[in-house]
C-alpha atoms as a PDB file:
ATOM      1  CA  UNK A   1       4.372  -9.135   1.807  1.00  0.00           C
ATOM      2  CA  UNK A   2       5.990  -5.730   1.439  1.00  0.00           C
ATOM      3  CA  UNK A   3       4.577  -2.221   1.066  1.00  0.00           C
ATOM      4  CA  UNK A   4       6.026   0.955  -0.449  1.00  0.00           C
ATOM      5  CA  UNK A   5       4.595   4.451  -0.888  1.00  0.00           C
ATOM      6  CA  UNK A   6       5.496   6.136  -4.187  1.00  0.00           C
ATOM      7  CA  UNK A   7       5.417   9.939  -4.454  1.00  0.00           C
ATOM      8  CA  UNK A   8       3.489  11.318  -7.423  1.00  0.00           C
ATOM      9  CA  UNK A   9       4.521  14.378  -9.417  1.00  0.00           C
ATOM     10  CA  UNK A  10       2.404  17.256 -10.740  1.00  0.00           C
ATOM     11  CA  UNK A  11      -1.011  15.765 -11.565  1.00  0.00           C
ATOM     12  CA  UNK A  12       0.017  12.169 -10.855  1.00  0.00           C
ATOM     13  CA  UNK A  13      -1.177  11.148  -7.352  1.00  0.00           C
ATOM     14  CA  UNK A  14       0.771   9.249  -4.694  1.00  0.00           C
ATOM     15  CA  UNK A  15       0.498   5.457  -5.003  1.00  0.00           C
ATOM     16  CA  UNK A  16       0.890   2.430  -2.772  1.00  0.00           C
ATOM     17  CA  UNK A  17       2.444  -0.827  -3.984  1.00  0.00           C
ATOM     18  CA  UNK A  18       2.033  -4.142  -2.190  1.00  0.00           C
ATOM     19  CA  UNK A  19       4.482  -6.849  -3.247  1.00  0.00           C
ATOM     20  CA  UNK A  20       4.765 -10.519  -2.304  1.00  0.00           C
ATOM     21  CA  UNK A  21       7.817 -12.306  -0.895  1.00  0.00           C
ATOM     22  CA  UNK A  22       9.362 -12.487  -4.390  1.00  0.00           C
ATOM     23  CA  UNK A  23       8.740  -8.739  -4.886  1.00  0.00           C
ATOM     24  CA  UNK A  24       6.077  -9.422  -7.515  1.00  0.00           C
ATOM     25  CA  UNK A  25       3.506  -6.621  -7.637  1.00  0.00           C
ATOM     26  CA  UNK A  26       0.282  -7.831  -5.965  1.00  0.00           C
ATOM     27  CA  UNK A  27      -1.618  -4.552  -5.540  1.00  0.00           C
ATOM     28  CA  UNK A  28      -1.219  -1.004  -6.808  1.00  0.00           C
ATOM     29  CA  UNK A  29      -3.620   1.732  -5.716  1.00  0.00           C
ATOM     30  CA  UNK A  30      -3.854   5.438  -4.984  1.00  0.00           C
ATOM     31  CA  UNK A  31      -2.793   6.446  -1.493  1.00  0.00           C
ATOM     32  CA  UNK A  32      -5.876   8.623  -1.049  1.00  0.00           C
ATOM     33  CA  UNK A  33      -8.246   5.713  -1.912  1.00  0.00           C
ATOM     34  CA  UNK A  34      -6.550   2.654  -0.431  1.00  0.00           C
ATOM     35  CA  UNK A  35      -9.417   0.519   0.796  1.00  0.00           C
ATOM     36  CA  UNK A  36     -11.086  -0.796  -2.388  1.00  0.00           C
ATOM     37  CA  UNK A  37     -11.133  -4.583  -2.944  1.00  0.00           C
ATOM     38  CA  UNK A  38      -8.625  -5.167  -0.147  1.00  0.00           C
ATOM     39  CA  UNK A  39     -10.176  -8.570   0.709  1.00  0.00           C
ATOM     40  CA  UNK A  40      -8.745 -10.202  -2.419  1.00  0.00           C
ATOM     41  CA  UNK A  41      -5.222  -9.499  -1.143  1.00  0.00           C
ATOM     42  CA  UNK A  42      -5.839 -11.283   2.159  1.00  0.00           C
ATOM     43  CA  UNK A  43      -6.139  -8.054   4.130  1.00  0.00           C
ATOM     44  CA  UNK A  44      -9.894  -8.042   4.750  1.00  0.00           C
ATOM     45  CA  UNK A  45     -10.867  -6.777   8.203  1.00  0.00           C
ATOM     46  CA  UNK A  46      -7.594  -4.862   8.580  1.00  0.00           C
ATOM     47  CA  UNK A  47      -8.682  -1.681   6.803  1.00  0.00           C
ATOM     48  CA  UNK A  48      -8.175   0.620   9.808  1.00  0.00           C
ATOM     49  CA  UNK A  49      -4.676  -0.732  10.475  1.00  0.00           C
ATOM     50  CA  UNK A  50      -3.739  -0.427   6.795  1.00  0.00           C
ATOM     51  CA  UNK A  51      -5.058   3.130   6.570  1.00  0.00           C
ATOM     52  CA  UNK A  52      -3.011   4.147   9.630  1.00  0.00           C
ATOM     53  CA  UNK A  53       0.111   2.474   8.212  1.00  0.00           C
ATOM     54  CA  UNK A  54      -0.288   4.254   4.861  1.00  0.00           C
ATOM     55  CA  UNK A  55      -0.568   7.648   6.549  1.00  0.00           C
ATOM     56  CA  UNK A  56       2.637   7.075   8.550  1.00  0.00           C
ATOM     57  CA  UNK A  57       4.605   5.338   5.789  1.00  0.00           C
ATOM     58  CA  UNK A  58       7.513   7.414   4.429  1.00  0.00           C
ATOM     59  CA  UNK A  59       7.823   7.803   0.674  1.00  0.00           C
ATOM     60  CA  UNK A  60      10.172   5.441  -1.137  1.00  0.00           C
ATOM     61  CA  UNK A  61      10.964   3.157   1.796  1.00  0.00           C
ATOM     62  CA  UNK A  62      10.141  -0.525   1.304  1.00  0.00           C
ATOM     63  CA  UNK A  63       8.782  -2.084   4.495  1.00  0.00           C
ATOM     64  CA  UNK A  64       7.664  -5.538   5.536  1.00  0.00           C
ATOM     65  CA  UNK A  65       3.851  -5.560   5.754  1.00  0.00           C
ATOM     66  CA  UNK A  66       2.787  -7.133   9.016  1.00  0.00           C
ATOM     67  CA  UNK A  67      -0.725  -6.377  10.238  1.00  0.00           C
END
């Protein structure tokens, strides 16, 4: 899976996209509320690691998600 942080503009908040190996969008959520329903994406139990990654992730750079 891959992760990218998208910068919002004006009143639109920053978002996180999680994509599968074929770059199909799997999850799309606000960067300030990232930990809702994370179990259904196979990332249950890794909330702390994901939160840390999101904070350090630069905007607009696609990265391989490995937790």
